[in-house]
């Protein structure tokens, strides 16, 4: 099956592309997809997706499936035609009290 992956913010900068379609096995989970991406982009996404330590994600890493926030650790199964967006939280700046 095919899924569309959108790369946003810092993830886009690290991967060097806005989006791509990925072929994965029927019945694959979100964690399966992230593991495959970790192997493909291991150097670029090191620290966000830790390829050496399966299931370890940066706590600022956000994944959505078809626009809804998804937790890869909870066994989210993907379907043909799903859109997965990968991004990190943006923080910083000054906020006076």
N, C-alpha and C. Protein backbone atom coordinates (compact mmCIF):
# COMPACT_ATOMS: atom_id res chain seq x y z
N UNK A 1 0.84 -1.18 0.00
CA UNK A 1 0.00 0.00 0.00
C UNK A 1 0.88 1.24 0.00
N UNK A 2 0.29 2.35 -0.42
CA UNK A 2 1.04 3.60 -0.50
C UNK A 2 0.49 4.61 0.50
N UNK A 3 1.42 5.30 1.18
CA UNK A 3 1.05 6.39 2.07
C UNK A 3 1.84 7.63 1.66
N UNK A 4 1.24 8.77 1.88
CA UNK A 4 1.90 10.04 1.58
C UNK A 4 2.49 10.57 2.88
N UNK A 5 3.72 11.02 2.83
CA UNK A 5 4.40 11.56 4.00
C UNK A 5 4.71 13.03 3.75
N UNK A 6 4.26 13.87 4.67
CA UNK A 6 4.56 15.30 4.63
C UNK A 6 5.63 15.59 5.67
N UNK A 7 6.66 16.29 5.27
CA UNK A 7 7.74 16.68 6.18
C UNK A 7 7.58 18.17 6.46
N UNK A 8 7.44 18.54 7.73
CA UNK A 8 7.19 19.93 8.10
C UNK A 8 8.27 20.44 9.05
N UNK A 9 8.53 21.75 8.96
CA UNK A 9 9.47 22.40 9.88
C UNK A 9 10.87 21.82 9.84
N UNK A 10 11.41 21.53 11.02
CA UNK A 10 12.77 21.01 11.15
C UNK A 10 12.94 19.67 10.43
N UNK A 11 11.91 18.84 10.45
CA UNK A 11 12.00 17.55 9.77
C UNK A 11 12.19 17.77 8.28
N UNK A 12 11.46 18.73 7.70
CA UNK A 12 11.62 19.05 6.27
C UNK A 12 13.05 19.47 5.97
N UNK A 13 13.60 20.31 6.84
CA UNK A 13 14.97 20.79 6.63
C UNK A 13 15.97 19.62 6.69
N UNK A 14 15.77 18.71 7.64
CA UNK A 14 16.70 17.59 7.80
C UNK A 14 16.60 16.58 6.67
N UNK A 15 15.39 16.34 6.17
CA UNK A 15 15.19 15.35 5.10
C UNK A 15 15.49 15.95 3.73
N UNK A 16 15.25 17.25 3.58
CA UNK A 16 15.53 17.92 2.32
C UNK A 16 14.44 17.80 1.28
N UNK A 17 13.23 17.48 1.72
CA UNK A 17 12.09 17.43 0.80
C UNK A 17 10.81 17.75 1.55
N UNK A 18 9.82 18.18 0.80
CA UNK A 18 8.53 18.55 1.39
C UNK A 18 7.64 17.35 1.65
N UNK A 19 7.66 16.41 0.72
CA UNK A 19 6.78 15.25 0.83
C UNK A 19 7.28 14.13 -0.08
N UNK A 20 6.73 12.96 0.14
CA UNK A 20 7.00 11.83 -0.74
C UNK A 20 5.95 10.76 -0.49
N UNK A 21 5.83 9.86 -1.44
CA UNK A 21 4.96 8.70 -1.25
C UNK A 21 5.85 7.51 -0.91
N UNK A 22 5.38 6.68 -0.03
CA UNK A 22 6.15 5.54 0.45
C UNK A 22 5.33 4.27 0.28
N UNK A 23 5.96 3.24 -0.17
CA UNK A 23 5.32 1.93 -0.33
C UNK A 23 5.64 1.11 0.92
N UNK A 24 4.59 0.63 1.59
CA UNK A 24 4.77 -0.20 2.77
C UNK A 24 3.86 -1.42 2.66
N UNK A 25 4.14 -2.44 3.44
CA UNK A 25 3.35 -3.67 3.41
C UNK A 25 1.94 -3.43 3.95
N UNK A 26 0.96 -4.14 3.40
CA UNK A 26 -0.40 -4.10 3.93
C UNK A 26 -0.37 -4.46 5.41
N UNK A 27 -1.15 -3.75 6.21
CA UNK A 27 -1.22 -4.04 7.65
C UNK A 27 -0.10 -3.40 8.45
N UNK A 28 0.73 -2.57 7.82
CA UNK A 28 1.83 -1.92 8.54
C UNK A 28 1.30 -0.89 9.53
N UNK A 29 2.04 -0.75 10.62
CA UNK A 29 1.68 0.24 11.64
C UNK A 29 2.47 1.52 11.40
N UNK A 30 2.08 2.55 12.12
CA UNK A 30 2.82 3.81 12.07
C UNK A 30 4.25 3.61 12.54
N UNK A 31 4.44 2.79 13.55
CA UNK A 31 5.79 2.50 14.05
C UNK A 31 6.62 1.78 12.99
N UNK A 32 5.99 0.89 12.21
CA UNK A 32 6.69 0.23 11.10
C UNK A 32 7.19 1.26 10.10
N UNK A 33 6.33 2.21 9.77
CA UNK A 33 6.71 3.27 8.82
C UNK A 33 7.86 4.09 9.38
N UNK A 34 7.77 4.49 10.64
CA UNK A 34 8.84 5.30 11.24
C UNK A 34 10.16 4.53 11.30
N UNK A 35 10.10 3.24 11.53
CA UNK A 35 11.32 2.42 11.52
C UNK A 35 11.95 2.40 10.13
N UNK A 36 11.09 2.31 9.11
CA UNK A 36 11.59 2.32 7.73
C UNK A 36 12.22 3.68 7.40
N UNK A 37 11.58 4.75 7.83
CA UNK A 37 12.14 6.09 7.60
C UNK A 37 13.44 6.29 8.37
N UNK A 38 13.53 5.72 9.57
CA UNK A 38 14.75 5.83 10.36
C UNK A 38 15.92 5.17 9.64
N UNK A 39 15.66 4.07 8.95
CA UNK A 39 16.72 3.40 8.19
C UNK A 39 17.10 4.21 6.96
N UNK A 40 16.09 4.79 6.29
CA UNK A 40 16.34 5.57 5.08
C UNK A 40 17.08 6.88 5.39
N UNK A 41 16.66 7.56 6.44
CA UNK A 41 17.20 8.89 6.76
C UNK A 41 17.94 8.90 8.09
N UNK A 42 18.61 7.82 8.43
CA UNK A 42 19.21 7.67 9.76
C UNK A 42 20.11 8.83 10.16
N UNK A 43 20.97 9.26 9.30
CA UNK A 43 21.89 10.36 9.66
C UNK A 43 21.16 11.69 9.77
N UNK A 44 20.23 11.94 8.86
CA UNK A 44 19.52 13.22 8.85
C UNK A 44 18.54 13.36 10.01
N UNK A 45 17.93 12.26 10.41
CA UNK A 45 16.92 12.32 11.47
C UNK A 45 17.41 11.82 12.81
N UNK A 46 18.72 11.62 12.91
CA UNK A 46 19.29 11.16 14.19
C UNK A 46 18.92 12.16 15.28
N UNK A 47 18.44 11.68 16.39
CA UNK A 47 18.00 12.54 17.46
C UNK A 47 16.49 12.77 17.46
N UNK A 48 15.87 12.71 16.28
CA UNK A 48 14.41 12.79 16.21
C UNK A 48 13.86 11.38 16.17
N UNK A 49 14.32 10.61 15.19
CA UNK A 49 14.02 9.18 15.12
C UNK A 49 15.33 8.48 15.41
N UNK A 50 15.42 7.79 16.51
CA UNK A 50 16.68 7.15 16.86
C UNK A 50 16.73 5.76 16.26
N UNK A 51 17.42 5.63 15.14
CA UNK A 51 17.46 4.37 14.40
C UNK A 51 18.09 3.24 15.19
N UNK A 52 18.99 3.55 16.10
CA UNK A 52 19.66 2.49 16.86
C UNK A 52 18.79 1.96 18.00
N UNK A 53 17.85 2.73 18.45
CA UNK A 53 17.02 2.35 19.59
C UNK A 53 15.56 2.38 19.16
N UNK A 54 15.08 1.23 18.73
CA UNK A 54 13.71 1.13 18.22
C UNK A 54 12.71 1.69 19.23
N UNK A 55 11.72 2.41 18.72
CA UNK A 55 10.62 2.98 19.50
C UNK A 55 11.03 4.18 20.34
N UNK A 56 12.22 4.71 20.15
CA UNK A 56 12.64 5.90 20.90
C UNK A 56 12.45 7.12 20.02
N UNK A 57 11.59 8.02 20.43
CA UNK A 57 11.31 9.24 19.68
C UNK A 57 11.63 10.45 20.54
N UNK A 58 12.08 11.51 19.90
CA UNK A 58 12.27 12.78 20.58
C UNK A 58 10.91 13.22 21.13
N UNK A 59 10.85 13.68 22.37
CA UNK A 59 9.55 14.06 22.94
C UNK A 59 8.89 15.26 22.26
N UNK A 60 9.64 16.02 21.47
CA UNK A 60 9.04 17.15 20.74
C UNK A 60 8.56 16.75 19.36
N UNK A 61 8.69 15.48 19.02
CA UNK A 61 8.31 14.97 17.71
C UNK A 61 6.80 14.73 17.66
N UNK A 62 6.14 15.25 16.64
CA UNK A 62 4.69 15.10 16.48
C UNK A 62 4.41 14.38 15.17
N UNK A 63 3.49 13.42 15.23
CA UNK A 63 3.06 12.69 14.05
C UNK A 63 1.55 12.82 13.94
N UNK A 64 1.06 13.12 12.74
CA UNK A 64 -0.38 13.08 12.51
C UNK A 64 -0.67 12.09 11.40
N UNK A 65 -1.83 11.47 11.48
CA UNK A 65 -2.33 10.59 10.42
C UNK A 65 -3.67 11.16 9.99
N UNK A 66 -3.73 11.58 8.74
CA UNK A 66 -4.94 12.20 8.19
C UNK A 66 -5.41 13.37 9.05
N UNK A 67 -4.46 14.16 9.57
CA UNK A 67 -4.76 15.37 10.31
C UNK A 67 -4.98 15.20 11.80
N UNK A 68 -5.00 13.97 12.29
CA UNK A 68 -5.20 13.73 13.73
C UNK A 68 -3.89 13.30 14.37
N UNK A 69 -3.57 13.87 15.53
CA UNK A 69 -2.33 13.49 16.23
C UNK A 69 -2.38 12.01 16.55
N UNK A 70 -1.27 11.33 16.28
CA UNK A 70 -1.19 9.88 16.49
C UNK A 70 0.03 9.56 17.34
N UNK A 71 -0.12 8.59 18.23
CA UNK A 71 0.99 8.13 19.06
C UNK A 71 1.52 6.83 18.45
N UNK A 72 2.71 6.87 17.86
CA UNK A 72 3.26 5.67 17.22
C UNK A 72 3.39 4.48 18.18
N UNK A 73 3.53 4.76 19.46
CA UNK A 73 3.71 3.69 20.45
C UNK A 73 2.41 2.92 20.71
N UNK A 74 1.28 3.43 20.26
CA UNK A 74 -0.01 2.81 20.56
C UNK A 74 -0.55 1.93 19.44
N UNK A 75 0.29 1.51 18.53
CA UNK A 75 -0.12 0.55 17.51
C UNK A 75 -1.10 1.08 16.48
N UNK A 76 -0.91 2.28 15.98
CA UNK A 76 -1.77 2.85 14.96
C UNK A 76 -1.50 2.14 13.64
N UNK A 77 -2.54 1.51 13.07
CA UNK A 77 -2.39 0.84 11.78
C UNK A 77 -2.71 1.81 10.65
N UNK A 78 -1.93 1.73 9.59
CA UNK A 78 -2.11 2.60 8.44
C UNK A 78 -2.93 1.91 7.37
N UNK A 79 -3.58 2.74 6.53
CA UNK A 79 -4.36 2.23 5.41
C UNK A 79 -3.84 2.85 4.13
N UNK A 80 -4.10 2.18 3.02
CA UNK A 80 -3.71 2.69 1.72
C UNK A 80 -4.29 4.10 1.54
N UNK A 81 -3.45 5.04 1.12
CA UNK A 81 -3.88 6.41 0.87
C UNK A 81 -3.81 7.34 2.06
N UNK A 82 -3.40 6.85 3.23
CA UNK A 82 -3.27 7.71 4.40
C UNK A 82 -2.20 8.77 4.15
N UNK A 83 -2.35 9.91 4.83
CA UNK A 83 -1.35 10.97 4.81
C UNK A 83 -0.78 11.10 6.21
N UNK A 84 0.54 10.96 6.31
CA UNK A 84 1.24 11.05 7.59
C UNK A 84 2.11 12.31 7.55
N UNK A 85 1.95 13.17 8.54
CA UNK A 85 2.77 14.38 8.64
C UNK A 85 3.73 14.23 9.81
N UNK A 86 4.98 14.60 9.59
CA UNK A 86 6.03 14.52 10.61
C UNK A 86 6.55 15.92 10.88
N UNK A 87 6.58 16.29 12.16
CA UNK A 87 7.03 17.64 12.53
C UNK A 87 7.57 17.65 13.95
N UNK A 88 8.23 18.72 14.33
CA UNK A 88 8.65 18.92 15.71
C UNK A 88 8.02 20.20 16.24
N UNK A 89 7.89 20.26 17.57
CA UNK A 89 7.38 21.48 18.21
C UNK A 89 8.36 22.61 17.99
N UNK A 90 7.84 23.79 17.91
CA UNK A 90 8.68 24.97 17.80
C UNK A 90 8.56 25.72 19.12
N UNK A 91 9.70 26.07 19.68
CA UNK A 91 9.68 26.78 20.96
C UNK A 91 10.74 27.87 20.94
N UNK A 92 10.61 28.77 21.85
CA UNK A 92 11.62 29.81 21.97
C UNK A 92 10.98 31.18 22.08
N UNK A 93 11.80 32.19 22.15
CA UNK A 93 11.28 33.54 22.26
C UNK A 93 11.20 34.00 23.70
N UNK A 94 10.73 35.20 23.85
CA UNK A 94 10.66 35.84 25.17
C UNK A 94 9.20 36.12 25.48
N UNK A 95 8.78 35.77 26.67
CA UNK A 95 7.41 36.01 27.09
C UNK A 95 7.45 36.73 28.45
N UNK A 96 7.21 38.03 28.46
CA UNK A 96 7.24 38.74 29.75
C UNK A 96 6.04 38.35 30.61
N UNK A 97 6.22 38.40 31.90
CA UNK A 97 5.12 38.05 32.81
C UNK A 97 4.10 39.13 32.90
